[in-house]
Amino acid sequence: MNLTIKSTENVEYMIEEIKNKLKVLNLGAIKPSHFDEEMYEELKDIYDLVMKKNSFSPNEMQALVEELGSLRKNK
């Protein structure tokens, strides 16, 4: 998968991978449909950070989820 290309499919892929790596319990809280390509670079930065680390402290988890929340589309 080429994540250098901004696409809906890549957004969906990154969100699913972040959820899997963080073991998000409330899967409904983070859905690919909540994000769009306007925030692609920010989402990619979070994805890269999450994929580099093997484990996360509770504070890191909270900060990542809050950051993802701030990137959500405003509807």
C-alpha atoms as a PDB file:
ATOM      1  CA  MET A   1       0.000   0.000   0.000  1.00  0.00           C
ATOM      2  CA  ASN A   2       1.382   3.403  -0.992  1.00  0.00           C
ATOM      3  CA  LEU A   3       0.492   5.750   1.853  1.00  0.00           C
ATOM      4  CA  THR A   4       2.114   8.726   0.131  1.00  0.00           C
ATOM      5  CA  ILE A   5      -1.061   9.040  -1.956  1.00  0.00           C
ATOM      6  CA  LYS A   6      -3.986  10.846  -0.340  1.00  0.00           C
ATOM      7  CA  SER A   7      -7.022   8.654  -0.776  1.00  0.00           C
ATOM      8  CA  THR A   8     -10.076   7.498   1.098  1.00  0.00           C
ATOM      9  CA  GLU A   9      -8.775   3.938   0.952  1.00  0.00           C
ATOM     10  CA  ASN A  10      -5.507   4.962   2.611  1.00  0.00           C
ATOM     11  CA  VAL A  11      -7.377   6.870   5.318  1.00  0.00           C
ATOM     12  CA  GLU A  12      -9.455   3.770   6.014  1.00  0.00           C
ATOM     13  CA  TYR A  13      -6.362   1.564   6.089  1.00  0.00           C
ATOM     14  CA  MET A  14      -4.464   3.833   8.494  1.00  0.00           C
ATOM     15  CA  ILE A  15      -7.416   4.165  10.878  1.00  0.00           C
ATOM     16  CA  GLU A  16      -7.922   0.399  10.978  1.00  0.00           C
ATOM     17  CA  GLU A  17      -4.215  -0.214  11.585  1.00  0.00           C
ATOM     18  CA  ILE A  18      -4.098   2.405  14.350  1.00  0.00           C
ATOM     19  CA  LYS A  19      -7.134   0.821  16.008  1.00  0.00           C
ATOM     20  CA  ASN A  20      -5.559  -2.630  15.811  1.00  0.00           C
ATOM     21  CA  LYS A  21      -2.201  -1.493  17.177  1.00  0.00           C
ATOM     22  CA  LEU A  22      -3.742   0.501  20.018  1.00  0.00           C
ATOM     23  CA  LYS A  23      -6.267  -2.252  20.718  1.00  0.00           C
ATOM     24  CA  VAL A  24      -9.066   0.284  20.867  1.00  0.00           C
ATOM     25  CA  LEU A  25     -11.862  -1.196  22.934  1.00  0.00           C
ATOM     26  CA  ASN A  26     -14.639   1.086  21.764  1.00  0.00           C
ATOM     27  CA  LEU A  27     -14.300   0.371  18.053  1.00  0.00           C
ATOM     28  CA  GLY A  28     -17.321   2.506  17.244  1.00  0.00           C
ATOM     29  CA  ALA A  29     -15.569   5.570  18.616  1.00  0.00           C
ATOM     30  CA  ILE A  30     -13.054   5.618  15.774  1.00  0.00           C
ATOM     31  CA  LYS A  31     -14.414   4.945  12.309  1.00  0.00           C
ATOM     32  CA  PRO A  32     -12.735   5.649   8.985  1.00  0.00           C
ATOM     33  CA  SER A  33     -15.844   7.567   7.918  1.00  0.00           C
ATOM     34  CA  HIS A  34     -15.062  10.138  10.645  1.00  0.00           C
ATOM     35  CA  PHE A  35     -11.994  11.280   8.720  1.00  0.00           C
ATOM     36  CA  ASP A  36     -11.358  12.755   5.312  1.00  0.00           C
ATOM     37  CA  GLU A  37      -8.398  13.554   3.102  1.00  0.00           C
ATOM     38  CA  GLU A  38      -8.116  17.148   4.385  1.00  0.00           C
ATOM     39  CA  MET A  39      -6.395  15.851   7.523  1.00  0.00           C
ATOM     40  CA  TYR A  40      -4.357  13.243   5.673  1.00  0.00           C
ATOM     41  CA  GLU A  41      -0.907  14.523   6.644  1.00  0.00           C
ATOM     42  CA  GLU A  42      -1.811  14.750  10.333  1.00  0.00           C
ATOM     43  CA  LEU A  43      -3.361  11.282  10.257  1.00  0.00           C
ATOM     44  CA  LYS A  44      -0.279   9.908   8.480  1.00  0.00           C
ATOM     45  CA  ASP A  45       1.955  11.403  11.205  1.00  0.00           C
ATOM     46  CA  ILE A  46      -0.100   9.652  13.900  1.00  0.00           C
ATOM     47  CA  TYR A  47      -0.058   6.419  11.904  1.00  0.00           C
ATOM     48  CA  ASP A  48       3.742   6.567  11.531  1.00  0.00           C
ATOM     49  CA  LEU A  49       4.202   7.208  15.253  1.00  0.00           C
ATOM     50  CA  VAL A  50       1.876   4.383  16.273  1.00  0.00           C
ATOM     51  CA  MET A  51       3.485   1.887  13.897  1.00  0.00           C
ATOM     52  CA  LYS A  52       6.994   2.653  15.218  1.00  0.00           C
ATOM     53  CA  LYS A  53       6.216   1.869  18.860  1.00  0.00           C
ATOM     54  CA  ASN A  54       5.663  -1.547  20.408  1.00  0.00           C
ATOM     55  CA  SER A  55       3.719  -0.396  23.455  1.00  0.00           C
ATOM     56  CA  PHE A  56       2.009   2.679  24.814  1.00  0.00           C
ATOM     57  CA  SER A  57       1.494   4.061  28.297  1.00  0.00           C
ATOM     58  CA  PRO A  58      -2.065   4.929  29.330  1.00  0.00           C
ATOM     59  CA  ASN A  59      -1.192   8.629  28.969  1.00  0.00           C
ATOM     60  CA  GLU A  60       0.143   8.076  25.447  1.00  0.00           C
ATOM     61  CA  MET A  61      -2.992   6.141  24.514  1.00  0.00           C
ATOM     62  CA  GLN A  62      -5.202   8.931  25.814  1.00  0.00           C
ATOM     63  CA  ALA A  63      -3.193  11.574  23.952  1.00  0.00           C
ATOM     64  CA  LEU A  64      -3.373   9.622  20.687  1.00  0.00           C
ATOM     65  CA  VAL A  65      -7.116   9.083  20.965  1.00  0.00           C
ATOM     66  CA  GLU A  66      -7.626  12.769  21.789  1.00  0.00           C
ATOM     67  CA  GLU A  67      -5.524  13.761  18.782  1.00  0.00           C
ATOM     68  CA  LEU A  68      -7.555  11.460  16.535  1.00  0.00           C
ATOM     69  CA  GLY A  69     -10.693  13.038  17.972  1.00  0.00           C
ATOM     70  CA  SER A  70      -9.447  16.502  17.044  1.00  0.00           C
ATOM     71  CA  LEU A  71      -8.955  15.359  13.435  1.00  0.00           C
ATOM     72  CA  ARG A  72     -12.518  14.103  13.035  1.00  0.00           C
ATOM     73  CA  LYS A  73     -14.731  15.719  10.434  1.00  0.00           C
ATOM     74  CA  ASN A  74     -17.100  18.360  11.727  1.00  0.00           C
ATOM     75  CA  LYS A  75     -20.588  17.409  10.613  1.00  0.00           C
END
